[in-house]
Amino acid sequence: MRTKVALGLVRTAESDERRRQRARHTAAEWAKIMAAQRRSTLTIVEFCRRRDIALATFGYWRRRLAQAVAIAQPAQRFLAVPLVAPVAAPIEVELGTLRVRVAGAAAARVVDAIVARIGGEATQ
């Protein structure tokens, strides 16, 4: 077995061949690798060293998968606005051509129900 000495590291022809034959992972496999790292108590550097994964490759896939998740999850459509004082004035909700005006003590609950219903239908 021939050995090479490069930068003080001893490498064999066998280890070089393993590096060349290393299988490429799919995005789903990288997602499993990322989950395994999160579950482990190891740092990313130690995890990559033990699994013979290049740190740059791990970082690339971590960013790529994070971007895919951000694209797959749509932005929140409604923002909850807490009402801190009783509403004396009528509340009006306008959605395109639909306009709903409610007044009284129960107005806030009615608006909450309308927004919950519309939000539920929009995600289905």
N, C-alpha and C. Protein backbone atom coordinates (compact mmCIF):
# COMPACT_ATOMS: atom_id res chain seq x y z
N MET A 1 0.84 -1.17 0.00
CA MET A 1 0.00 0.00 0.00
C MET A 1 0.89 1.24 0.00
N ARG A 2 0.67 2.12 -0.94
CA ARG A 2 1.47 3.34 -1.05
C ARG A 2 0.88 4.41 -0.16
N THR A 3 1.72 5.23 0.42
CA THR A 3 1.26 6.34 1.25
C THR A 3 1.77 7.64 0.69
N LYS A 4 1.02 8.68 0.91
CA LYS A 4 1.41 10.03 0.50
C LYS A 4 1.48 10.88 1.76
N VAL A 5 2.45 11.75 1.81
CA VAL A 5 2.54 12.68 2.93
C VAL A 5 2.28 14.07 2.35
N ALA A 6 1.19 14.67 2.80
CA ALA A 6 0.83 16.01 2.33
C ALA A 6 0.51 16.86 3.54
N LEU A 7 1.24 17.94 3.70
CA LEU A 7 1.04 18.86 4.82
C LEU A 7 1.10 18.14 6.17
N GLY A 8 1.98 17.17 6.26
CA GLY A 8 2.16 16.48 7.53
C GLY A 8 1.12 15.40 7.80
N LEU A 9 0.17 15.20 6.90
CA LEU A 9 -0.86 14.17 7.08
C LEU A 9 -0.49 12.96 6.24
N VAL A 10 -0.67 11.80 6.78
CA VAL A 10 -0.39 10.58 6.04
C VAL A 10 -1.71 10.09 5.46
N ARG A 11 -1.72 9.95 4.14
CA ARG A 11 -2.91 9.45 3.46
C ARG A 11 -2.51 8.24 2.64
N THR A 12 -3.37 7.28 2.59
CA THR A 12 -3.10 6.09 1.78
C THR A 12 -3.88 6.18 0.48
N ALA A 13 -3.46 5.40 -0.47
CA ALA A 13 -4.18 5.35 -1.74
C ALA A 13 -5.59 4.85 -1.51
N GLU A 14 -5.76 3.98 -0.51
CA GLU A 14 -7.07 3.44 -0.19
C GLU A 14 -8.02 4.53 0.31
N SER A 15 -7.54 5.42 1.18
CA SER A 15 -8.41 6.48 1.68
C SER A 15 -8.75 7.48 0.58
N ASP A 16 -7.79 7.71 -0.34
CA ASP A 16 -8.07 8.59 -1.47
C ASP A 16 -9.17 7.99 -2.35
N GLU A 17 -9.13 6.69 -2.56
CA GLU A 17 -10.13 6.03 -3.38
C GLU A 17 -11.51 6.11 -2.73
N ARG A 18 -11.58 5.97 -1.40
CA ARG A 18 -12.86 6.10 -0.69
C ARG A 18 -13.45 7.49 -0.89
N ARG A 19 -12.60 8.50 -0.85
CA ARG A 19 -13.09 9.87 -1.04
C ARG A 19 -13.68 10.05 -2.43
N ARG A 20 -13.03 9.48 -3.44
CA ARG A 20 -13.53 9.61 -4.81
C ARG A 20 -14.84 8.85 -5.01
N GLN A 21 -15.01 7.75 -4.29
CA GLN A 21 -16.20 6.94 -4.47
C GLN A 21 -17.34 7.33 -3.54
N ARG A 22 -17.15 8.37 -2.76
CA ARG A 22 -18.17 8.77 -1.79
C ARG A 22 -19.49 9.05 -2.51
N ALA A 23 -20.53 8.49 -1.97
CA ALA A 23 -21.85 8.64 -2.60
C ALA A 23 -22.38 10.06 -2.41
N ARG A 24 -23.07 10.53 -3.40
CA ARG A 24 -23.75 11.82 -3.28
C ARG A 24 -25.08 11.58 -2.59
N HIS A 25 -25.44 12.49 -1.70
CA HIS A 25 -26.69 12.36 -0.96
C HIS A 25 -27.77 13.21 -1.61
N THR A 26 -29.00 12.74 -1.51
CA THR A 26 -30.14 13.52 -1.99
C THR A 26 -30.51 14.55 -0.92
N ALA A 27 -31.40 15.46 -1.27
CA ALA A 27 -31.85 16.47 -0.31
C ALA A 27 -32.54 15.80 0.87
N ALA A 28 -33.31 14.74 0.62
CA ALA A 28 -33.98 14.03 1.71
C ALA A 28 -32.95 13.39 2.65
N GLU A 29 -31.89 12.84 2.09
CA GLU A 29 -30.84 12.24 2.92
C GLU A 29 -30.13 13.32 3.74
N TRP A 30 -29.90 14.49 3.13
CA TRP A 30 -29.26 15.58 3.88
C TRP A 30 -30.17 16.08 4.99
N ALA A 31 -31.47 16.07 4.77
CA ALA A 31 -32.39 16.47 5.84
C ALA A 31 -32.28 15.51 7.01
N LYS A 32 -32.13 14.20 6.73
CA LYS A 32 -31.95 13.22 7.79
C LYS A 32 -30.62 13.43 8.51
N ILE A 33 -29.58 13.76 7.76
CA ILE A 33 -28.28 14.02 8.37
C ILE A 33 -28.36 15.24 9.29
N MET A 34 -29.05 16.30 8.84
CA MET A 34 -29.21 17.50 9.66
C MET A 34 -29.98 17.18 10.94
N ALA A 35 -31.01 16.36 10.83
CA ALA A 35 -31.80 15.99 12.00
C ALA A 35 -30.95 15.17 12.97
N ALA A 36 -30.12 14.29 12.43
CA ALA A 36 -29.25 13.47 13.29
C ALA A 36 -28.26 14.36 14.03
N GLN A 37 -27.75 15.39 13.38
CA GLN A 37 -26.80 16.29 14.05
C GLN A 37 -27.51 17.07 15.16
N ARG A 38 -28.73 17.53 14.90
CA ARG A 38 -29.48 18.27 15.93
C ARG A 38 -29.77 17.39 17.14
N ARG A 39 -30.08 16.11 16.90
CA ARG A 39 -30.36 15.19 18.00
C ARG A 39 -29.11 14.82 18.79
N SER A 40 -27.97 14.86 18.14
CA SER A 40 -26.73 14.47 18.82
C SER A 40 -26.28 15.56 19.77
N THR A 41 -25.37 15.20 20.65
CA THR A 41 -24.78 16.18 21.57
C THR A 41 -23.49 16.74 21.01
N LEU A 42 -23.16 16.37 19.79
CA LEU A 42 -21.89 16.78 19.17
C LEU A 42 -22.02 18.16 18.54
N THR A 43 -20.90 18.87 18.50
CA THR A 43 -20.86 20.12 17.74
C THR A 43 -20.90 19.75 16.26
N ILE A 44 -21.19 20.72 15.42
CA ILE A 44 -21.23 20.46 13.98
C ILE A 44 -19.86 20.00 13.50
N VAL A 45 -18.81 20.63 13.99
CA VAL A 45 -17.45 20.26 13.56
C VAL A 45 -17.16 18.81 13.91
N GLU A 46 -17.45 18.41 15.14
CA GLU A 46 -17.18 17.04 15.58
C GLU A 46 -18.07 16.05 14.83
N PHE A 47 -19.34 16.39 14.65
CA PHE A 47 -20.27 15.53 13.91
C PHE A 47 -19.75 15.27 12.50
N CYS A 48 -19.34 16.34 11.82
CA CYS A 48 -18.83 16.21 10.45
C CYS A 48 -17.54 15.40 10.41
N ARG A 49 -16.66 15.62 11.38
CA ARG A 49 -15.40 14.89 11.42
C ARG A 49 -15.66 13.39 11.57
N ARG A 50 -16.58 13.03 12.46
CA ARG A 50 -16.87 11.61 12.71
C ARG A 50 -17.53 10.94 11.52
N ARG A 51 -18.30 11.69 10.76
CA ARG A 51 -18.99 11.11 9.60
C ARG A 51 -18.26 11.35 8.30
N ASP A 52 -17.08 11.96 8.38
CA ASP A 52 -16.26 12.25 7.20
C ASP A 52 -17.03 13.12 6.19
N ILE A 53 -17.66 14.17 6.72
CA ILE A 53 -18.40 15.12 5.89
C ILE A 53 -17.62 16.43 5.91
N ALA A 54 -17.42 17.01 4.74
CA ALA A 54 -16.75 18.31 4.67
C ALA A 54 -17.63 19.36 5.35
N LEU A 55 -17.03 20.17 6.20
CA LEU A 55 -17.77 21.20 6.92
C LEU A 55 -18.47 22.17 5.96
N ALA A 56 -17.80 22.51 4.88
CA ALA A 56 -18.40 23.42 3.88
C ALA A 56 -19.62 22.78 3.23
N THR A 57 -19.56 21.48 2.97
CA THR A 57 -20.69 20.78 2.37
C THR A 57 -21.87 20.75 3.34
N PHE A 58 -21.59 20.49 4.61
CA PHE A 58 -22.63 20.48 5.63
C PHE A 58 -23.30 21.86 5.70
N GLY A 59 -22.50 22.91 5.71
CA GLY A 59 -23.04 24.27 5.77
C GLY A 59 -23.86 24.61 4.54
N TYR A 60 -23.39 24.19 3.38
CA TYR A 60 -24.12 24.43 2.13
C TYR A 60 -25.51 23.81 2.22
N TRP A 61 -25.60 22.54 2.63
CA TRP A 61 -26.88 21.86 2.69
C TRP A 61 -27.77 22.41 3.79
N ARG A 62 -27.17 22.85 4.88
CA ARG A 62 -27.97 23.44 5.95
C ARG A 62 -28.66 24.71 5.45
N ARG A 63 -27.93 25.56 4.72
CA ARG A 63 -28.51 26.79 4.15
C ARG A 63 -29.55 26.45 3.08
N ARG A 64 -29.22 25.50 2.23
CA ARG A 64 -30.13 25.15 1.14
C ARG A 64 -31.45 24.59 1.67
N LEU A 65 -31.38 23.73 2.67
CA LEU A 65 -32.60 23.17 3.24
C LEU A 65 -33.40 24.22 4.01
N ALA A 66 -32.73 25.15 4.67
CA ALA A 66 -33.42 26.23 5.39
C ALA A 66 -34.18 27.11 4.39
N GLN A 67 -33.57 27.39 3.24
CA GLN A 67 -34.24 28.19 2.21
C GLN A 67 -35.46 27.45 1.67
N ALA A 68 -35.34 26.15 1.49
CA ALA A 68 -36.47 25.36 0.97
C ALA A 68 -37.63 25.38 1.96
N VAL A 69 -37.33 25.31 3.24
CA VAL A 69 -38.38 25.35 4.26
C VAL A 69 -39.05 26.72 4.27
N ALA A 70 -38.25 27.78 4.15
CA ALA A 70 -38.80 29.14 4.15
C ALA A 70 -39.73 29.35 2.95
N ILE A 71 -39.39 28.78 1.83
CA ILE A 71 -40.22 28.91 0.62
C ILE A 71 -41.50 28.08 0.77
N ALA A 72 -41.38 26.90 1.37
CA ALA A 72 -42.53 26.00 1.49
C ALA A 72 -43.57 26.49 2.49
N GLN A 73 -43.14 27.25 3.49
CA GLN A 73 -44.07 27.74 4.50
C GLN A 73 -44.52 29.16 4.14
N PRO A 74 -45.78 29.33 3.76
CA PRO A 74 -46.24 30.66 3.39
C PRO A 74 -46.25 31.59 4.60
N ALA A 75 -46.15 32.86 4.31
CA ALA A 75 -46.18 33.85 5.38
C ALA A 75 -47.54 33.87 6.05
N GLN A 76 -47.56 34.23 7.30
CA GLN A 76 -48.82 34.30 8.04
C GLN A 76 -49.71 35.36 7.40
N ARG A 77 -50.97 35.03 7.20
CA ARG A 77 -51.88 35.94 6.51
C ARG A 77 -52.50 36.97 7.44
N PHE A 78 -52.75 36.60 8.69
CA PHE A 78 -53.39 37.52 9.62
C PHE A 78 -52.52 37.70 10.84
N LEU A 79 -52.56 38.87 11.38
CA LEU A 79 -51.82 39.18 12.59
C LEU A 79 -52.82 39.43 13.70
N ALA A 80 -52.66 38.72 14.81
CA ALA A 80 -53.56 38.90 15.95
C ALA A 80 -53.31 40.26 16.58
N VAL A 81 -54.35 41.03 16.74
CA VAL A 81 -54.26 42.35 17.35
C VAL A 81 -55.10 42.33 18.62
N PRO A 82 -54.44 42.37 19.76
CA PRO A 82 -55.21 42.33 21.00
C PRO A 82 -55.97 43.64 21.22
N LEU A 83 -57.20 43.54 21.67
CA LEU A 83 -57.99 44.71 22.00
C LEU A 83 -57.85 44.93 23.50
N VAL A 84 -57.30 46.07 23.89
CA VAL A 84 -57.00 46.30 25.30
C VAL A 84 -58.12 47.03 26.03
N ALA A 85 -59.02 47.65 25.33
CA ALA A 85 -60.12 48.37 25.97
C ALA A 85 -61.43 47.96 25.30
N PRO A 86 -62.53 48.07 26.03
CA PRO A 86 -63.82 47.76 25.41
C PRO A 86 -64.03 48.64 24.17
N VAL A 87 -64.59 48.05 23.16
CA VAL A 87 -64.81 48.77 21.91
C VAL A 87 -66.16 49.46 21.97
N ALA A 88 -66.14 50.77 21.87
CA ALA A 88 -67.38 51.54 21.89
C ALA A 88 -67.85 51.81 20.47
N ALA A 89 -66.91 52.05 19.58
CA ALA A 89 -67.24 52.36 18.19
C ALA A 89 -67.43 51.06 17.42
N PRO A 90 -68.19 51.08 16.36
CA PRO A 90 -68.36 49.88 15.55
C PRO A 90 -67.04 49.48 14.88
N ILE A 91 -66.89 48.19 14.64
CA ILE A 91 -65.72 47.66 13.94
C ILE A 91 -66.18 47.30 12.54
N GLU A 92 -65.36 47.68 11.56
CA GLU A 92 -65.70 47.39 10.17
C GLU A 92 -64.56 46.60 9.55
N VAL A 93 -64.90 45.49 8.94
CA VAL A 93 -63.93 44.64 8.24
C VAL A 93 -64.31 44.64 6.77
N GLU A 94 -63.34 44.96 5.91
CA GLU A 94 -63.60 45.01 4.48
C GLU A 94 -62.62 44.09 3.78
N LEU A 95 -63.16 43.13 3.03
CA LEU A 95 -62.36 42.17 2.28
C LEU A 95 -62.85 42.17 0.84
N GLY A 96 -62.20 42.91 0.01
CA GLY A 96 -62.63 43.02 -1.39
C GLY A 96 -63.98 43.69 -1.45
N THR A 97 -64.97 42.99 -1.96
CA THR A 97 -66.31 43.57 -2.07
C THR A 97 -67.17 43.28 -0.84
N LEU A 98 -66.67 42.48 0.08
CA LEU A 98 -67.41 42.14 1.29
C LEU A 98 -67.07 43.12 2.40
N ARG A 99 -68.10 43.68 3.02
CA ARG A 99 -67.90 44.60 4.14
C ARG A 99 -68.80 44.17 5.28
N VAL A 100 -68.19 43.99 6.47
CA VAL A 100 -68.93 43.58 7.66
C VAL A 100 -68.72 44.64 8.72
N ARG A 101 -69.85 45.15 9.27
CA ARG A 101 -69.78 46.16 10.33
C ARG A 101 -70.52 45.61 11.54
N VAL A 102 -69.79 45.54 12.68
CA VAL A 102 -70.40 45.05 13.91
C VAL A 102 -70.17 46.07 15.02
N ALA A 103 -71.11 46.12 15.96
CA ALA A 103 -70.99 47.06 17.08
C ALA A 103 -71.41 46.35 18.36
N GLY A 104 -71.06 46.92 19.45
CA GLY A 104 -71.47 46.38 20.74
C GLY A 104 -70.34 45.64 21.43
N ALA A 105 -70.66 45.09 22.59
CA ALA A 105 -69.66 44.43 23.43
C ALA A 105 -69.10 43.17 22.78
N ALA A 106 -69.87 42.50 21.99
CA ALA A 106 -69.43 41.25 21.37
C ALA A 106 -68.73 41.46 20.04
N ALA A 107 -68.52 42.70 19.62
CA ALA A 107 -67.94 43.00 18.31
C ALA A 107 -66.58 42.33 18.12
N ALA A 108 -65.73 42.40 19.14
CA ALA A 108 -64.39 41.82 19.02
C ALA A 108 -64.47 40.32 18.80
N ARG A 109 -65.35 39.62 19.52
CA ARG A 109 -65.49 38.18 19.34
C ARG A 109 -66.02 37.83 17.95
N VAL A 110 -66.93 38.64 17.44
CA VAL A 110 -67.47 38.41 16.11
C VAL A 110 -66.38 38.57 15.06
N VAL A 111 -65.58 39.62 15.19
CA VAL A 111 -64.48 39.84 14.23
C VAL A 111 -63.47 38.71 14.33
N ASP A 112 -63.15 38.27 15.55
CA ASP A 112 -62.23 37.12 15.72
C ASP A 112 -62.76 35.90 15.00
N ALA A 113 -64.05 35.63 15.13
CA ALA A 113 -64.65 34.46 14.49
C ALA A 113 -64.59 34.58 12.97
N ILE A 114 -64.86 35.78 12.45
CA ILE A 114 -64.81 36.01 10.99
C ILE A 114 -63.40 35.77 10.48
N VAL A 115 -62.42 36.35 11.16
CA VAL A 115 -61.03 36.21 10.73
C VAL A 115 -60.58 34.76 10.82
N ALA A 116 -60.97 34.06 11.88
CA ALA A 116 -60.61 32.64 12.01
C ALA A 116 -61.23 31.82 10.88
N ARG A 117 -62.46 32.10 10.54
CA ARG A 117 -63.14 31.36 9.47
C ARG A 117 -62.49 31.62 8.12
N ILE A 118 -62.22 32.90 7.84
CA ILE A 118 -61.58 33.25 6.56
C ILE A 118 -60.19 32.67 6.49
N GLY A 119 -59.44 32.76 7.57
CA GLY A 119 -58.09 32.20 7.60
C GLY A 119 -58.09 30.72 7.41
N GLY A 120 -59.06 29.99 8.00
CA GLY A 120 -59.17 28.55 7.85
C GLY A 120 -59.50 28.15 6.42
N GLU A 121 -60.36 28.92 5.76
CA GLU A 121 -60.73 28.61 4.38
C GLU A 121 -59.58 28.90 3.43
N ALA A 122 -58.79 29.93 3.74
CA ALA A 122 -57.69 30.30 2.85
C ALA A 122 -56.59 29.25 2.83
N THR A 123 -56.44 28.50 3.94
CA THR A 123 -55.37 27.50 3.99
C THR A 123 -55.82 26.14 3.48
N GLN A 124 -57.08 25.96 3.22
CA GLN A 124 -57.56 24.65 2.76
C GLN A 124 -57.45 24.52 1.27
